[in-house]
Amino acid sequence: MISLAGKAALVTGGSRGIGAATVKLFAQAGADVVFSYNRNRDTRIESLKADLGRMADAKRLVGYTIERLGRLDILVANAGIWNAVDAPIEKMTEREWDDMMRINLKSVYDVTHFASARMIAQRSGRIVALSSTAGQRGEAFHSHYAATKGAIISFVKALSTELARHNILVNCVAPGWVDTDMSKPVLDTKEGSKFATSVIPLRRVAKAEEVAGAVLFLASDLATFITGEVLNVNGGSVLCG
């Protein structure tokens, strides 16, 4: 029912997890897709290695997308990291903080900076950023991660009003626990799996495809009057509205 035929999309962090699932759904919906990766690459659509915490790499990625696809209609800012090992604030290093900010937050700014310029020129576009339940309720021992995800929500809300006059819709998807490589160190343990599912009313973690479906919806013509919103995909673990 959802068609992205004729649309050009860029998905950051698209080689695995939610990003790879999004690339697959976008392609199935008819979009032309470029995705970026930093370390792992296990899908076969147009791709480019990039460290999006660097402005030059973000500019190169957006330029590559436009060169290959001719335009840029959809940006999915998905690239990010999470600390599987607890990081108490009194032990957290400056490097741990700075790396989290650069990869999770600055990368979103960097790629949006260049993508939005193209969308403004086109007078249309969709931007979907990935946040987290941690950005809404915080997450003990992951305060730097929670800070980046909360900032993404504020960034999205600010841009939604700023870019509305250019017919650019800006939204956010906030997953909870998802069965991806990033969360495997926790979910693959009996104690971790029990903890994760205990806080989810549906009593299971999400599949990457279930989060990607929400991204696809916000990028589609079914969401033409939605902007500045946070779409929660968390099985009921955080109820906001």
C-alpha atoms as a PDB file:
ATOM      1  CA  MET A   1       0.000   0.000   0.000  1.00  0.00           C
ATOM      2  CA  ILE A   2       2.949   2.328   0.534  1.00  0.00           C
ATOM      3  CA  SER A   3       4.847   3.451  -2.557  1.00  0.00           C
ATOM      4  CA  LEU A   4       8.060   5.462  -2.662  1.00  0.00           C
ATOM      5  CA  ALA A   5       8.394   5.047  -6.423  1.00  0.00           C
ATOM      6  CA  GLY A   6      10.475   7.828  -7.923  1.00  0.00           C
ATOM      7  CA  LYS A   7      11.808   8.942  -4.545  1.00  0.00           C
ATOM      8  CA  ALA A   8      15.510   9.246  -3.704  1.00  0.00           C
ATOM      9  CA  ALA A   9      16.451   8.319  -0.154  1.00  0.00           C
ATOM     10  CA  LEU A  10      19.565   8.453   1.988  1.00  0.00           C
ATOM     11  CA  VAL A  11      19.773   6.219   5.074  1.00  0.00           C
ATOM     12  CA  THR A  12      22.691   6.680   7.451  1.00  0.00           C
ATOM     13  CA  GLY A  13      23.952   3.651   9.322  1.00  0.00           C
ATOM     14  CA  GLY A  14      22.232   1.461   6.761  1.00  0.00           C
ATOM     15  CA  SER A  15      24.423  -1.620   6.835  1.00  0.00           C
ATOM     16  CA  ARG A  16      22.794  -3.360   9.803  1.00  0.00           C
ATOM     17  CA  GLY A  17      19.985  -3.290  12.338  1.00  0.00           C
ATOM     18  CA  ILE A  18      17.233  -0.724  11.923  1.00  0.00           C
ATOM     19  CA  GLY A  19      19.126   1.001   9.127  1.00  0.00           C
ATOM     20  CA  ALA A  20      19.428  -2.149   7.022  1.00  0.00           C
ATOM     21  CA  ALA A  21      15.761  -2.987   7.594  1.00  0.00           C
ATOM     22  CA  THR A  22      14.836   0.544   6.490  1.00  0.00           C
ATOM     23  CA  VAL A  23      16.940   0.275   3.341  1.00  0.00           C
ATOM     24  CA  LYS A  24      15.206  -2.999   2.490  1.00  0.00           C
ATOM     25  CA  LEU A  25      11.679  -1.649   3.063  1.00  0.00           C
ATOM     26  CA  PHE A  26      12.418   1.531   1.100  1.00  0.00           C
ATOM     27  CA  ALA A  27      13.728  -0.516  -1.825  1.00  0.00           C
ATOM     28  CA  GLN A  28      10.669  -2.780  -1.699  1.00  0.00           C
ATOM     29  CA  ALA A  29       8.489   0.342  -1.783  1.00  0.00           C
ATOM     30  CA  GLY A  30      10.211   1.458  -4.981  1.00  0.00           C
ATOM     31  CA  ALA A  31      12.659   4.082  -3.717  1.00  0.00           C
ATOM     32  CA  ASP A  32      16.193   4.533  -4.986  1.00  0.00           C
ATOM     33  CA  VAL A  33      18.405   4.290  -1.906  1.00  0.00           C
ATOM     34  CA  VAL A  34      21.908   5.242  -0.876  1.00  0.00           C
ATOM     35  CA  PHE A  35      23.079   4.237   2.582  1.00  0.00           C
ATOM     36  CA  SER A  36      26.167   5.073   4.581  1.00  0.00           C
ATOM     37  CA  TYR A  37      28.136   2.768   6.827  1.00  0.00           C
ATOM     38  CA  ASN A  38      31.150   3.268   9.050  1.00  0.00           C
ATOM     39  CA  ARG A  39      32.291  -0.255   9.914  1.00  0.00           C
ATOM     40  CA  ASN A  40      30.042  -3.067   8.720  1.00  0.00           C
ATOM     41  CA  ARG A  41      28.478  -3.477   5.326  1.00  0.00           C
ATOM     42  CA  ASP A  42      26.187  -6.411   4.625  1.00  0.00           C
ATOM     43  CA  THR A  43      23.624  -5.102   2.158  1.00  0.00           C
ATOM     44  CA  ARG A  44      24.066  -4.511  -1.558  1.00  0.00           C
ATOM     45  CA  ILE A  45      22.322  -1.281  -2.549  1.00  0.00           C
ATOM     46  CA  GLU A  46      24.339   1.904  -3.318  1.00  0.00           C
ATOM     47  CA  SER A  47      26.600   2.582  -0.358  1.00  0.00           C
ATOM     48  CA  LEU A  48      29.410   4.822   0.795  1.00  0.00           C
ATOM     49  CA  LYS A  49      31.703   4.544   3.779  1.00  0.00           C
ATOM     50  CA  ALA A  50      31.548   7.708   5.868  1.00  0.00           C
ATOM     51  CA  ASP A  51      32.259   8.999   9.359  1.00  0.00           C
ATOM     52  CA  LEU A  52      29.305  11.336   9.724  1.00  0.00           C
ATOM     53  CA  GLY A  53      30.777  12.930  12.819  1.00  0.00           C
ATOM     54  CA  ARG A  54      32.958  14.778  10.308  1.00  0.00           C
ATOM     55  CA  MET A  55      31.376  17.562   8.264  1.00  0.00           C
ATOM     56  CA  ALA A  56      33.495  16.742   5.219  1.00  0.00           C
ATOM     57  CA  ASP A  57      32.258  13.143   5.160  1.00  0.00           C
ATOM     58  CA  ALA A  58      28.636  14.235   5.561  1.00  0.00           C
ATOM     59  CA  LYS A  59      29.022  16.692   2.675  1.00  0.00           C
ATOM     60  CA  ARG A  60      30.608  13.982   0.529  1.00  0.00           C
ATOM     61  CA  LEU A  61      27.803  11.539   1.356  1.00  0.00           C
ATOM     62  CA  VAL A  62      25.002  13.952   0.467  1.00  0.00           C
ATOM     63  CA  GLY A  63      26.851  14.976  -2.691  1.00  0.00           C
ATOM     64  CA  TYR A  64      27.316  11.333  -3.656  1.00  0.00           C
ATOM     65  CA  THR A  65      23.605  10.644  -3.132  1.00  0.00           C
ATOM     66  CA  ILE A  66      22.571  13.547  -5.353  1.00  0.00           C
ATOM     67  CA  GLU A  67      25.155  12.584  -7.972  1.00  0.00           C
ATOM     68  CA  ARG A  68      23.946   8.984  -8.072  1.00  0.00           C
ATOM     69  CA  LEU A  69      20.204   9.582  -7.701  1.00  0.00           C
ATOM     70  CA  GLY A  70      19.747  13.061  -9.146  1.00  0.00           C
ATOM     71  CA  ARG A  71      17.857  14.429  -6.147  1.00  0.00           C
ATOM     72  CA  LEU A  72      17.248  13.842  -2.440  1.00  0.00           C
ATOM     73  CA  ASP A  73      13.693  13.415  -1.191  1.00  0.00           C
ATOM     74  CA  ILE A  74      14.138  11.483   2.064  1.00  0.00           C
ATOM     75  CA  LEU A  75      16.812  11.519   4.735  1.00  0.00           C
ATOM     76  CA  VAL A  76      16.808   8.920   7.504  1.00  0.00           C
ATOM     77  CA  ALA A  77      19.316   9.930  10.186  1.00  0.00           C
ATOM     78  CA  ASN A  78      19.832   6.567  11.849  1.00  0.00           C
ATOM     79  CA  ALA A  79      23.569   6.136  12.485  1.00  0.00           C
ATOM     80  CA  GLY A  80      24.406   5.792  16.159  1.00  0.00           C
ATOM     81  CA  ILE A  81      26.015   3.833  18.980  1.00  0.00           C
ATOM     82  CA  TRP A  82      25.043   2.677  22.468  1.00  0.00           C
ATOM     83  CA  ASN A  83      27.225   1.604  25.370  1.00  0.00           C
ATOM     84  CA  ALA A  84      26.566  -2.032  26.249  1.00  0.00           C
ATOM     85  CA  VAL A  85      28.808  -1.685  29.293  1.00  0.00           C
ATOM     86  CA  ASP A  86      27.427   0.565  32.035  1.00  0.00           C
ATOM     87  CA  ALA A  87      29.038   4.003  32.226  1.00  0.00           C
ATOM     88  CA  PRO A  88      28.447   5.554  35.685  1.00  0.00           C
ATOM     89  CA  ILE A  89      28.762   9.317  35.454  1.00  0.00           C
ATOM     90  CA  GLU A  90      31.605   9.465  37.994  1.00  0.00           C
ATOM     91  CA  LYS A  91      33.641   6.996  35.910  1.00  0.00           C
ATOM     92  CA  MET A  92      32.641   8.147  32.425  1.00  0.00           C
ATOM     93  CA  THR A  93      35.623   9.502  30.526  1.00  0.00           C
ATOM     94  CA  GLU A  94      35.698  12.656  28.471  1.00  0.00           C
ATOM     95  CA  ARG A  95      36.393  10.553  25.404  1.00  0.00           C
ATOM     96  CA  GLU A  96      33.342   8.348  26.042  1.00  0.00           C
ATOM     97  CA  TRP A  97      31.171  11.465  26.318  1.00  0.00           C
ATOM     98  CA  ASP A  98      32.679  13.156  23.269  1.00  0.00           C
ATOM     99  CA  ASP A  99      32.462  10.038  21.070  1.00  0.00           C
ATOM    100  CA  MET A 100      28.789   9.572  21.956  1.00  0.00           C
ATOM    101  CA  MET A 101      28.017  13.212  21.158  1.00  0.00           C
ATOM    102  CA  ARG A 102      29.937  13.133  17.887  1.00  0.00           C
ATOM    103  CA  ILE A 103      28.509   9.877  16.554  1.00  0.00           C
ATOM    104  CA  ASN A 104      24.922  10.124  17.829  1.00  0.00           C
ATOM    105  CA  LEU A 105      24.217  13.852  17.734  1.00  0.00           C
ATOM    106  CA  LYS A 106      26.733  15.737  15.639  1.00  0.00           C
ATOM    107  CA  SER A 107      26.311  13.232  12.818  1.00  0.00           C
ATOM    108  CA  VAL A 108      22.590  14.045  12.698  1.00  0.00           C
ATOM    109  CA  TYR A 109      23.361  17.759  12.478  1.00  0.00           C
ATOM    110  CA  ASP A 110      26.092  17.226   9.880  1.00  0.00           C
ATOM    111  CA  VAL A 111      24.034  15.222   7.406  1.00  0.00           C
ATOM    112  CA  THR A 112      20.878  17.285   7.987  1.00  0.00           C
ATOM    113  CA  HIS A 113      22.835  20.484   7.366  1.00  0.00           C
ATOM    114  CA  PHE A 114      23.710  19.434   3.823  1.00  0.00           C
ATOM    115  CA  ALA A 115      20.551  17.447   3.024  1.00  0.00           C
ATOM    116  CA  SER A 116      18.229  20.255   4.082  1.00  0.00           C
ATOM    117  CA  ALA A 117      19.920  22.698   1.702  1.00  0.00           C
ATOM    118  CA  ARG A 118      19.056  20.438  -1.210  1.00  0.00           C
ATOM    119  CA  MET A 119      15.499  19.906   0.030  1.00  0.00           C
ATOM    120  CA  ILE A 120      14.980  23.651   0.442  1.00  0.00           C
ATOM    121  CA  ALA A 121      16.051  24.123  -3.186  1.00  0.00           C
ATOM    122  CA  GLN A 122      13.595  21.396  -4.231  1.00  0.00           C
ATOM    123  CA  ARG A 123      10.822  22.883  -2.067  1.00  0.00           C
ATOM    124  CA  SER A 124      10.087  19.460  -0.592  1.00  0.00           C
ATOM    125  CA  GLY A 125      11.556  16.721   1.541  1.00  0.00           C
ATOM    126  CA  ARG A 126      11.228  14.320   4.449  1.00  0.00           C
ATOM    127  CA  ILE A 127      13.640  13.990   7.344  1.00  0.00           C
ATOM    128  CA  VAL A 128      13.232  11.155   9.843  1.00  0.00           C
ATOM    129  CA  ALA A 129      15.656  10.925  12.763  1.00  0.00           C
ATOM    130  CA  LEU A 130      16.026   7.985  15.119  1.00  0.00           C
ATOM    131  CA  SER A 131      15.773   8.783  18.820  1.00  0.00           C
ATOM    132  CA  SER A 132      15.007   6.358  21.663  1.00  0.00           C
ATOM    133  CA  THR A 133      12.892   5.830  24.735  1.00  0.00           C
ATOM    134  CA  ALA A 134      16.077   6.818  26.568  1.00  0.00           C
ATOM    135  CA  GLY A 135      15.681  10.307  25.142  1.00  0.00           C
ATOM    136  CA  GLN A 136      12.278  10.611  26.818  1.00  0.00           C
ATOM    137  CA  ARG A 137      12.761   9.013  30.220  1.00  0.00           C
ATOM    138  CA  GLY A 138      16.545   8.947  30.554  1.00  0.00           C
ATOM    139  CA  GLU A 139      18.578   5.822  31.131  1.00  0.00           C
ATOM    140  CA  ALA A 140      20.732   5.245  34.188  1.00  0.00           C
ATOM    141  CA  PHE A 141      24.370   4.402  33.393  1.00  0.00           C
ATOM    142  CA  HIS A 142      23.768   5.532  29.823  1.00  0.00           C
ATOM    143  CA  SER A 143      23.339   9.247  30.514  1.00  0.00           C
ATOM    144  CA  HIS A 144      25.454  10.356  27.554  1.00  0.00           C
ATOM    145  CA  TYR A 145      23.391   8.165  25.212  1.00  0.00           C
ATOM    146  CA  ALA A 146      20.143   9.475  26.695  1.00  0.00           C
ATOM    147  CA  ALA A 147      21.395  13.051  26.311  1.00  0.00           C
ATOM    148  CA  THR A 148      22.009  12.583  22.587  1.00  0.00           C
ATOM    149  CA  LYS A 149      18.613  11.004  21.999  1.00  0.00           C
ATOM    150  CA  GLY A 150      16.798  13.702  23.955  1.00  0.00           C
ATOM    151  CA  ALA A 151      18.638  16.340  21.968  1.00  0.00           C
ATOM    152  CA  ILE A 152      17.549  14.694  18.709  1.00  0.00           C
ATOM    153  CA  ILE A 153      13.915  15.080  19.773  1.00  0.00           C
ATOM    154  CA  SER A 154      14.412  18.802  20.441  1.00  0.00           C
ATOM    155  CA  PHE A 155      16.333  19.169  17.166  1.00  0.00           C
ATOM    156  CA  VAL A 156      13.478  17.540  15.245  1.00  0.00           C
ATOM    157  CA  LYS A 157      10.836  19.745  16.873  1.00  0.00           C
ATOM    158  CA  ALA A 158      12.841  22.889  16.140  1.00  0.00           C
ATOM    159  CA  LEU A 159      13.448  21.955  12.511  1.00  0.00           C
ATOM    160  CA  SER A 160       9.838  20.952  11.943  1.00  0.00           C
ATOM    161  CA  THR A 161       8.708  24.555  12.385  1.00  0.00           C
ATOM    162  CA  GLU A 162      11.782  26.043  10.720  1.00  0.00           C
ATOM    163  CA  LEU A 163      11.488  23.963   7.555  1.00  0.00           C
ATOM    164  CA  ALA A 164       7.701  23.722   7.250  1.00  0.00           C
ATOM    165  CA  ARG A 165       7.576  26.766   4.926  1.00  0.00           C
ATOM    166  CA  HIS A 166       9.758  24.808   2.509  1.00  0.00           C
ATOM    167  CA  ASN A 167       7.358  21.829   2.515  1.00  0.00           C
ATOM    168  CA  ILE A 168       9.880  19.719   4.427  1.00  0.00           C
ATOM    169  CA  LEU A 169       8.449  17.410   7.080  1.00  0.00           C
ATOM    170  CA  VAL A 170      10.705  16.523  10.010  1.00  0.00           C
ATOM    171  CA  ASN A 171       9.813  13.702  12.390  1.00  0.00           C
ATOM    172  CA  CYS A 172      11.331  11.259  14.794  1.00  0.00           C
ATOM    173  CA  VAL A 173      10.979   7.556  15.565  1.00  0.00           C
ATOM    174  CA  ALA A 174      11.775   6.479  19.125  1.00  0.00           C
ATOM    175  CA  PRO A 175      12.323   2.734  19.567  1.00  0.00           C
ATOM    176  CA  GLY A 176      12.753   0.920  22.838  1.00  0.00           C
ATOM    177  CA  TRP A 177      14.569  -2.420  23.028  1.00  0.00           C
ATOM    178  CA  VAL A 178      15.163  -3.820  19.527  1.00  0.00           C
ATOM    179  CA  ASP A 179      16.745  -7.115  18.520  1.00  0.00           C
ATOM    180  CA  THR A 180      19.836  -5.762  16.755  1.00  0.00           C
ATOM    181  CA  ASP A 181      23.592  -6.244  16.933  1.00  0.00           C
ATOM    182  CA  MET A 182      23.849  -3.171  19.151  1.00  0.00           C
ATOM    183  CA  SER A 183      21.668  -4.655  21.892  1.00  0.00           C
ATOM    184  CA  LYS A 184      22.797  -8.295  21.582  1.00  0.00           C
ATOM    185  CA  PRO A 185      25.352  -8.069  24.416  1.00  0.00           C
ATOM    186  CA  VAL A 186      22.406  -7.478  26.754  1.00  0.00           C
ATOM    187  CA  LEU A 187      19.628  -9.443  25.072  1.00  0.00           C
ATOM    188  CA  ASP A 188      21.766 -12.551  24.597  1.00  0.00           C
ATOM    189  CA  THR A 189      22.072 -12.972  28.348  1.00  0.00           C
ATOM    190  CA  LYS A 190      19.286 -14.507  30.407  1.00  0.00           C
ATOM    191  CA  GLU A 191      19.350 -11.672  32.930  1.00  0.00           C
ATOM    192  CA  GLY A 192      19.435  -8.967  30.263  1.00  0.00           C
ATOM    193  CA  SER A 193      16.632 -10.481  28.206  1.00  0.00           C
ATOM    194  CA  LYS A 194      14.478 -10.884  31.309  1.00  0.00           C
ATOM    195  CA  PHE A 195      15.047  -7.255  32.289  1.00  0.00           C
ATOM    196  CA  ALA A 196      14.305  -5.906  28.811  1.00  0.00           C
ATOM    197  CA  THR A 197      11.060  -7.821  28.359  1.00  0.00           C
ATOM    198  CA  SER A 198       9.903  -7.110  31.928  1.00  0.00           C
ATOM    199  CA  VAL A 199       9.502  -3.398  31.176  1.00  0.00           C
ATOM    200  CA  ILE A 200       7.623  -3.978  27.905  1.00  0.00           C
ATOM    201  CA  PRO A 201       3.865  -4.661  28.221  1.00  0.00           C
ATOM    202  CA  LEU A 202       3.962  -6.738  25.024  1.00  0.00           C
ATOM    203  CA  ARG A 203       6.600  -8.896  26.751  1.00  0.00           C
ATOM    204  CA  ARG A 204       9.016  -9.018  23.832  1.00  0.00           C
ATOM    205  CA  VAL A 205      11.560  -6.785  22.149  1.00  0.00           C
ATOM    206  CA  ALA A 206      10.938  -5.257  18.736  1.00  0.00           C
ATOM    207  CA  LYS A 207      12.218  -6.580  15.442  1.00  0.00           C
ATOM    208  CA  ALA A 208      14.234  -4.130  13.356  1.00  0.00           C
ATOM    209  CA  GLU A 209      11.580  -4.379  10.639  1.00  0.00           C
ATOM    210  CA  GLU A 210       8.911  -3.139  13.040  1.00  0.00           C
ATOM    211  CA  VAL A 211      10.853   0.071  13.634  1.00  0.00           C
ATOM    212  CA  ALA A 212      11.654   0.410   9.933  1.00  0.00           C
ATOM    213  CA  GLY A 213       7.925   0.219   9.196  1.00  0.00           C
ATOM    214  CA  ALA A 214       7.356   3.343  11.259  1.00  0.00           C
ATOM    215  CA  VAL A 215      10.140   5.117   9.368  1.00  0.00           C
ATOM    216  CA  LEU A 216       8.594   4.050   6.061  1.00  0.00           C
ATOM    217  CA  PHE A 217       5.214   5.416   7.156  1.00  0.00           C
ATOM    218  CA  LEU A 218       6.638   8.826   8.038  1.00  0.00           C
ATOM    219  CA  ALA A 219       8.480   8.961   4.707  1.00  0.00           C
ATOM    220  CA  SER A 220       5.355   8.074   2.732  1.00  0.00           C
ATOM    221  CA  ASP A 221       2.358   9.951   1.391  1.00  0.00           C
ATOM    222  CA  LEU A 222       0.306   8.568   4.271  1.00  0.00           C
ATOM    223  CA  ALA A 223       2.041  11.107   6.554  1.00  0.00           C
ATOM    224  CA  THR A 224       1.722  14.335   4.564  1.00  0.00           C
ATOM    225  CA  PHE A 225       0.296  16.341   7.505  1.00  0.00           C
ATOM    226  CA  ILE A 226       2.595  15.041  10.230  1.00  0.00           C
ATOM    227  CA  THR A 227       5.637  17.045  11.326  1.00  0.00           C
ATOM    228  CA  GLY A 228       7.479  17.610  14.594  1.00  0.00           C
ATOM    229  CA  GLU A 229       6.191  14.328  16.013  1.00  0.00           C
ATOM    230  CA  VAL A 230       7.828  11.501  17.953  1.00  0.00           C
ATOM    231  CA  LEU A 231       6.466   8.122  16.881  1.00  0.00           C
ATOM    232  CA  ASN A 232       7.085   5.657  19.693  1.00  0.00           C
ATOM    233  CA  VAL A 233       7.783   2.052  18.742  1.00  0.00           C
ATOM    234  CA  ASN A 234       8.398   0.462  22.111  1.00  0.00           C
ATOM    235  CA  GLY A 235       5.670  -2.091  22.866  1.00  0.00           C
ATOM    236  CA  GLY A 236       4.114   0.246  25.434  1.00  0.00           C
ATOM    237  CA  SER A 237       7.209   0.659  27.628  1.00  0.00           C
ATOM    238  CA  VAL A 238       7.069   4.480  27.453  1.00  0.00           C
ATOM    239  CA  LEU A 239       3.700   6.127  26.978  1.00  0.00           C
ATOM    240  CA  CYS A 240       3.977   9.712  25.749  1.00  0.00           C
ATOM    241  CA  GLY A 241       1.382  11.795  23.987  1.00  0.00           C
END
